[in-house]
Every structure is written in structure tokens, then in C-alpha cells.
Amino acid sequence: MSLIELKDVSKLYGFGDATSVALDEVNLTIEQGECVAVMGPSGSGKSTLMNIIGLLDRPTHGDYSLGGKHVSRLGMNQRAKYRRDRIGFIFQAFNLLPRLTALDNVCLPLLYKGMSTGKRNRQAWDMLERVGLGDKAYYYPSQLSGGQAQSVAIARALVNNPALIIADEPTGNLDTGSSRLVMELLSEIHKTGNTVIFVTHNPELTRYATRVVYMQDGAIKHDEQTKLGEVGRYARAVMYTVPETTEDDDFAGVSAIMPVLDKRAEAEKAKKSKATKRKPRSRKAVKR
């Protein structure tokens, strides 16, 4: 069964002669475990498509099924509950609350779910460690770099263990190094079995996708399967001019993710050390 299925989905804005078509009878199926890059020029309908898939908006016409359930006509409260439990969002502008620490920002989805304070703090802390920011748990967004802030946003998106991750231009506000870090994190998330959809203008980032969907004028113009590590052929041949993959690209990706993996290993080592120290000594070992 497909995770996402859109049938003849259209989205119209305005009335009468002022009507504009944001999506024009889009048909799209995405299987569980895919990593899909959505590309296209500004105004092509990418964000509208993401809003509908993410249940932030409803189609004017057509049908949308998520995990086998028809969700096109769900009410506002039902859509909010579905988003909370099934979908994680990563935004270009991070959307972190400035007066909350990194830990509290990651806790928010669990707070809305009604989870106890202790349990949500432990779960949020584990997720921060997963993205290499366990040591920044009590930092505020203003004290973080752009890449670190986006990593906190990724942790927040993952903390509920959603079936689907939607990232809308996740590297749009980041420098090259931070962009690599964020995309390597998303790639790692995808490899653990999550379904990831991300919007990008950068053809280089299609290296992280298993499929690339190109949009134009509210419709899907081209849809191609790609190999991880390779730029989509359509992007290379038609839409953009991009360089060939080099070993330097691979090393740069490894270099970007290594600090995160090192921090994670250190956190695991510290946990094991704590657990060992807490174990009571055997009575036999105690000299009378």
C-alpha cells in the first residue's frame, strides 16, 4: 500500500475571472521509504503541493490518501491530530520559538500530545543527541549557528517518530557546510526507513534523493527515479548545468556528518559509563 496517493488534485485560489490555478490535476504516488526531491521554478506549485501533502491545506478538487486513509476532507481538528501523529515538518526559516531552549523546542510536539514532563524531556534529549546537539540542549536559538538551529528543527520533526518528513527548502538559509550537514542528517533519517520529501532549488541536493519530481505551472512535468549520490538526469540535461560527482563531494559529505556521529558516540559512551558506576557492588566483593 502506498503511503501517499494524490488523484487529480487541484488547488484554486480566488473567484471568477480572478481565479488562479496553483495545482492542476496532479497525480502522484509515493511509497513508504522513498526520499523524494521536489523541484521547479518559483510559482510552480511546489509549496502548495507540500501544504496539501502535509495537511496544512485541502485540495479544491481531487482526492488525497495518506497511509490508506482518505484525508482530503478531514476537519481542522482531525487534520491537526493527523499532522501531530504522522507528519514531521522542517522549514526553511527553522520556526524555533526564540524564548525556548533547544530542548523545549524539541519537546513541543510531545507537549501537545499530553506526554509527562519527564518522559518528553528524555525523548527530546535522545533526539538532540541523535543529531549531535545533546551538549546544546539548554542553548537558545539565538545562541546557535544556522546549521545547528536547523538540526534542532530536524530533531523536533523526528521526536514523534512520524511516518513522513516534509522539508521545505531546508537548506535555503544555510551556507554550504551547514547545508551538507543538514542533508546528511536527512539522508541518514531516510536510510533508517523514514519517508522524506524535500523541496529544493539546488540540483546538487538531488544527490540525496531516490526520486526527483519536477513541477511547472502547477503540474508535474517530469518524474524520475535516481540513484543516491547522483544528480537527476533531467536536472543535468534540461534545467541546470551541474558538475560531475567527485570524490571531494563524497569526502565533504562524510566530513559534515562525522562531528555529529562523534558526538553521538561520546554520548553513548557517557551513558554506558554512568550505568556502570550506578551498579551496586556485589556483597561477596565487600571485605568484612
Protein backbone atom coordinates (compact mmCIF):
# COMPACT_ATOMS: atom_id res chain seq x y z
CA MET A 1 0.00 0.00 0.00
CA SER A 2 1.32 3.45 -0.94
CA LEU A 3 1.98 5.96 1.82
CA ILE A 4 0.83 8.94 -0.29
CA GLU A 5 -1.62 8.91 -3.18
CA LEU A 6 -2.95 12.01 -4.90
CA LYS A 7 -5.60 11.61 -7.62
CA ASP A 8 -6.48 14.55 -9.89
CA VAL A 9 -5.69 17.02 -7.09
CA SER A 10 -6.27 20.69 -7.95
CA LYS A 11 -5.98 23.81 -5.83
CA LEU A 12 -7.66 27.03 -6.93
CA TYR A 13 -7.45 30.48 -5.36
CA GLY A 14 -9.80 33.39 -5.98
CA PHE A 15 -13.16 33.54 -7.75
CA GLY A 16 -14.47 34.07 -11.24
CA ASP A 17 -12.09 35.87 -13.58
CA ALA A 18 -9.61 36.29 -10.72
CA THR A 19 -9.21 32.54 -10.21
CA SER A 20 -5.64 31.25 -10.26
CA VAL A 21 -4.66 27.59 -10.50
CA ALA A 22 -1.92 26.62 -8.05
CA LEU A 23 -2.22 22.87 -8.72
CA ASP A 24 -3.69 21.44 -11.90
CA GLU A 25 -4.99 17.86 -11.60
CA VAL A 26 -1.84 16.44 -10.03
CA ASN A 27 -1.47 12.66 -9.78
CA LEU A 28 1.31 11.44 -7.51
CA THR A 29 2.06 8.22 -5.63
CA ILE A 30 4.87 7.92 -3.07
CA GLU A 31 5.81 4.62 -1.47
CA GLN A 32 6.93 4.11 2.11
CA GLY A 33 10.71 4.60 2.42
CA GLU A 34 11.24 6.84 -0.60
CA CYS A 35 13.26 10.06 -0.49
CA VAL A 36 11.69 12.47 -2.98
CA ALA A 37 13.10 15.82 -4.08
CA VAL A 38 10.56 18.30 -5.50
CA MET A 39 11.99 20.91 -7.86
CA GLY A 40 10.70 23.68 -10.08
CA PRO A 41 10.77 27.45 -10.56
CA SER A 42 9.06 29.87 -8.18
CA GLY A 43 5.29 29.74 -8.58
CA SER A 44 5.32 26.20 -9.99
CA GLY A 45 3.15 24.83 -7.16
CA LYS A 46 5.82 23.16 -5.01
CA SER A 47 4.79 24.77 -1.72
CA THR A 48 1.09 24.27 -2.43
CA LEU A 49 1.75 20.58 -3.07
CA MET A 50 3.69 20.31 0.21
CA ASN A 51 0.90 22.10 2.11
CA ILE A 52 -1.66 19.62 0.84
CA ILE A 53 0.53 16.57 1.48
CA GLY A 54 1.30 17.94 4.96
CA LEU A 55 -2.41 18.55 5.68
CA LEU A 56 -1.85 22.28 6.11
CA ASP A 57 -4.34 22.87 3.30
CA ARG A 58 -7.10 20.99 1.49
CA PRO A 59 -7.44 20.44 -2.26
CA THR A 60 -10.24 22.21 -4.12
CA HIS A 61 -10.81 19.10 -6.22
CA GLY A 62 -9.46 15.57 -6.23
CA ASP A 63 -8.63 13.02 -3.56
CA TYR A 64 -5.67 12.55 -1.21
CA SER A 65 -4.94 9.35 0.73
CA LEU A 66 -2.29 9.15 3.45
CA GLY A 67 -1.44 5.70 4.76
CA GLY A 68 -4.60 4.31 3.16
CA LYS A 69 -6.91 6.85 4.77
CA HIS A 70 -8.78 9.44 2.72
CA VAL A 71 -7.74 12.71 4.32
CA SER A 72 -8.86 15.26 1.71
CA ARG A 73 -11.97 16.34 3.59
CA LEU A 74 -10.90 15.96 7.20
CA GLY A 75 -11.95 18.79 9.52
CA MET A 76 -9.48 21.21 11.04
CA ASN A 77 -9.11 19.35 14.35
CA GLN A 78 -8.76 15.97 12.66
CA ARG A 79 -6.08 17.32 10.32
CA ALA A 80 -4.19 18.83 13.27
CA LYS A 81 -4.21 15.48 15.10
CA TYR A 82 -3.09 13.64 11.98
CA ARG A 83 -0.24 16.13 11.43
CA ARG A 84 0.85 15.79 15.05
CA ASP A 85 0.96 12.00 14.98
CA ARG A 86 2.04 11.20 11.42
CA ILE A 87 3.99 14.10 9.90
CA GLY A 88 7.17 15.96 10.83
CA PHE A 89 7.89 19.39 9.31
CA ILE A 90 11.22 21.11 8.65
CA PHE A 91 11.02 24.71 7.44
CA GLN A 92 13.48 27.00 5.69
CA ALA A 93 13.21 29.59 8.49
CA PHE A 94 13.63 26.90 11.23
CA ASN A 95 10.48 28.19 13.07
CA LEU A 96 12.03 27.70 16.50
CA LEU A 97 10.47 29.64 19.37
CA PRO A 98 13.16 32.16 20.44
CA ARG A 99 12.30 32.16 24.16
CA LEU A 100 12.54 28.38 24.47
CA THR A 101 15.74 26.34 24.73
CA ALA A 102 16.62 23.77 22.11
CA LEU A 103 15.33 21.05 24.43
CA ASP A 104 12.00 22.81 24.99
CA ASN A 105 11.58 23.43 21.25
CA VAL A 106 12.04 19.73 20.56
CA CYS A 107 9.61 18.90 23.38
CA LEU A 108 6.74 20.90 21.85
CA PRO A 109 5.13 18.11 19.77
CA LEU A 110 5.19 15.84 22.82
CA LEU A 111 3.68 18.59 24.99
CA TYR A 112 0.77 18.90 22.54
CA LYS A 113 0.40 15.13 22.74
CA GLY A 114 -0.03 15.33 26.52
CA MET A 115 3.12 13.45 27.46
CA SER A 116 4.50 13.87 31.00
CA THR A 117 7.37 16.32 31.57
CA GLY A 118 9.99 13.73 32.47
CA LYS A 119 9.19 11.43 29.58
CA ARG A 120 9.12 14.18 26.95
CA ASN A 121 12.40 15.65 28.23
CA ARG A 122 14.12 12.26 27.98
CA GLN A 123 12.73 11.64 24.49
CA ALA A 124 13.68 15.13 23.29
CA TRP A 125 17.18 14.83 24.76
CA ASP A 126 17.72 11.49 23.00
CA MET A 127 16.66 13.09 19.71
CA LEU A 128 19.05 16.03 20.21
CA GLU A 129 21.85 13.54 20.80
CA ARG A 130 20.86 11.77 17.60
CA VAL A 131 21.51 14.97 15.61
CA GLY A 132 24.70 15.69 17.55
CA LEU A 133 23.38 18.51 19.76
CA GLY A 134 23.00 16.90 23.15
CA ASP A 135 25.52 19.43 24.51
CA LYS A 136 23.41 22.33 23.21
CA ALA A 137 20.14 21.27 24.87
CA TYR A 138 19.92 24.41 27.03
CA TYR A 139 21.04 26.87 24.35
CA TYR A 140 18.52 29.33 22.91
CA PRO A 141 18.04 29.63 19.12
CA SER A 142 19.96 32.94 19.08
CA GLN A 143 22.99 31.10 20.50
CA LEU A 144 23.04 28.51 17.72
CA SER A 145 24.50 28.62 14.22
CA GLY A 146 22.17 28.24 11.24
CA GLY A 147 23.12 24.59 10.79
CA GLN A 148 22.62 23.88 14.49
CA ALA A 149 19.23 25.61 14.51
CA GLN A 150 18.11 23.53 11.53
CA SER A 151 19.39 20.38 13.26
CA VAL A 152 17.20 21.27 16.28
CA ALA A 153 14.27 21.67 13.85
CA ILE A 154 15.07 18.20 12.46
CA ALA A 155 15.10 16.76 15.98
CA ARG A 156 11.72 18.39 16.64
CA ALA A 157 10.33 16.90 13.41
CA LEU A 158 11.53 13.42 14.38
CA VAL A 159 10.64 13.35 18.07
CA ASN A 160 7.15 11.92 17.45
CA ASN A 161 8.52 9.18 15.19
CA PRO A 162 6.39 10.33 12.22
CA ALA A 163 5.70 8.24 9.13
CA LEU A 164 6.53 11.19 6.88
CA ILE A 165 9.11 14.01 7.00
CA ILE A 166 8.41 17.12 4.88
CA ALA A 167 11.27 19.59 4.44
CA ASP A 168 10.51 22.84 2.59
CA GLU A 169 13.80 24.34 1.37
CA PRO A 170 15.64 23.04 4.48
CA THR A 171 18.98 24.50 3.33
CA GLY A 172 17.68 27.76 1.88
CA ASN A 173 19.13 29.91 4.69
CA LEU A 174 22.35 27.95 5.22
CA ASP A 175 25.93 28.14 4.00
CA THR A 176 27.50 25.25 2.07
CA GLY A 177 28.93 23.45 5.10
CA SER A 178 25.71 23.69 7.10
CA SER A 179 23.70 22.59 4.05
CA ARG A 180 25.78 19.44 3.75
CA LEU A 181 25.30 18.69 7.44
CA VAL A 182 21.51 19.08 7.22
CA MET A 183 21.25 16.98 4.06
CA GLU A 184 23.48 14.25 5.51
CA LEU A 185 21.19 14.14 8.56
CA LEU A 186 18.11 13.86 6.34
CA SER A 187 19.85 11.16 4.31
CA GLU A 188 20.61 9.21 7.48
CA ILE A 189 16.97 9.58 8.58
CA HIS A 190 15.83 8.24 5.21
CA LYS A 191 18.19 5.27 5.43
CA THR A 192 16.61 4.24 8.74
CA GLY A 193 13.29 3.76 6.93
CA ASN A 194 11.57 7.16 7.09
CA THR A 195 9.83 8.62 4.05
CA VAL A 196 11.30 12.04 3.26
CA ILE A 197 10.03 14.71 0.84
CA PHE A 198 12.09 17.85 0.42
CA VAL A 199 11.70 20.93 -1.76
CA THR A 200 14.82 22.47 -3.26
CA HIS A 201 16.02 24.82 -5.98
CA ASN A 202 19.50 23.33 -5.86
CA PRO A 203 20.06 20.45 -8.31
CA GLU A 204 23.10 19.31 -6.33
CA LEU A 205 20.80 18.28 -3.47
CA THR A 206 19.05 15.73 -5.69
CA ARG A 207 22.08 13.54 -4.91
CA TYR A 208 20.33 12.75 -1.63
CA ALA A 209 17.06 11.64 -3.27
CA THR A 210 15.90 8.35 -4.73
CA ARG A 211 13.40 10.17 -6.92
CA VAL A 212 13.03 13.69 -8.32
CA VAL A 213 9.71 15.32 -9.25
CA TYR A 214 9.85 18.46 -11.41
CA MET A 215 6.94 20.88 -11.35
CA GLN A 216 5.90 23.66 -13.70
CA ASP A 217 2.71 25.73 -13.87
CA GLY A 218 1.02 23.70 -11.15
CA ALA A 219 1.61 20.34 -12.81
CA ILE A 220 4.22 17.57 -12.64
CA LYS A 221 6.34 17.98 -15.74
CA HIS A 222 8.79 15.15 -15.16
CA ASP A 223 9.19 12.34 -12.61
CA GLU A 224 12.35 10.22 -12.49
CA GLN A 225 13.95 7.62 -10.28
CA THR A 226 17.54 8.46 -9.31
CA LYS A 227 20.45 6.75 -7.61
CA LEU A 228 21.68 8.05 -4.28
CA GLY A 229 24.78 10.14 -4.88
CA GLU A 230 23.83 11.13 -8.44
CA VAL A 231 22.20 14.31 -9.74
CA GLY A 232 18.93 13.70 -11.62
CA ARG A 233 19.48 13.40 -15.38
CA TYR A 234 16.66 15.82 -16.16
CA ALA A 235 18.19 18.42 -13.86
CA ARG A 236 21.56 17.92 -15.52
CA ALA A 237 20.36 17.92 -19.11
CA VAL A 238 17.46 20.37 -19.17
CA MET A 239 17.01 22.58 -16.15
CA TYR A 240 20.51 23.25 -14.84
CA THR A 241 24.20 22.87 -15.52
CA VAL A 242 25.81 20.95 -12.69
CA PRO A 243 29.30 19.48 -12.18
CA GLU A 244 30.04 15.78 -12.13
CA THR A 245 30.25 13.99 -8.79
CA THR A 246 33.78 13.90 -7.43
CA GLU A 247 35.48 12.15 -4.53
CA ASP A 248 35.75 15.56 -2.89
CA ASP A 249 31.93 15.72 -2.78
CA ASP A 250 31.80 12.37 -1.01
CA PHE A 251 34.52 13.35 1.47
CA ALA A 252 32.78 16.67 2.15
CA GLY A 253 29.56 14.86 2.99
CA VAL A 254 31.41 12.48 5.32
CA SER A 255 33.26 15.40 6.94
CA ALA A 256 29.96 17.22 7.56
CA ILE A 257 28.30 14.30 9.33
CA MET A 258 31.35 12.99 11.26
CA PRO A 259 31.14 15.56 14.11
CA VAL A 260 27.53 14.51 14.67
CA LEU A 261 28.46 10.82 14.75
CA ASP A 262 31.40 11.53 17.07
CA LYS A 263 29.16 13.43 19.48
CA ARG A 264 26.62 10.62 19.36
CA ALA A 265 29.33 8.05 20.13
CA GLU A 266 30.56 10.16 23.04
CA ALA A 267 27.02 10.44 24.40
CA GLU A 268 26.56 6.65 24.21
CA LYS A 269 29.91 6.12 25.92
CA ALA A 270 28.94 8.53 28.71
CA LYS A 271 25.61 6.72 29.19
CA LYS A 272 27.34 3.34 29.49
CA SER A 273 29.87 4.80 31.93
CA LYS A 274 27.07 6.22 34.11
CA ALA A 275 25.20 2.91 34.05
CA THR A 276 28.36 1.05 35.12
CA LYS A 277 29.00 3.43 38.01
CA ARG A 278 25.43 3.03 39.27
CA LYS A 279 25.67 -0.77 39.54
CA PRO A 280 25.91 -1.83 43.24
CA ARG A 281 28.97 -3.80 44.24
CA SER A 282 28.47 -7.47 44.95
CA ARG A 283 28.38 -8.39 48.64
CA LYS A 284 31.00 -11.01 48.01
CA ALA A 285 33.40 -8.31 46.92
CA VAL A 286 32.94 -6.35 50.16
CA LYS A 287 35.60 -7.18 52.73
CA ARG A 288 34.39 -7.63 56.25
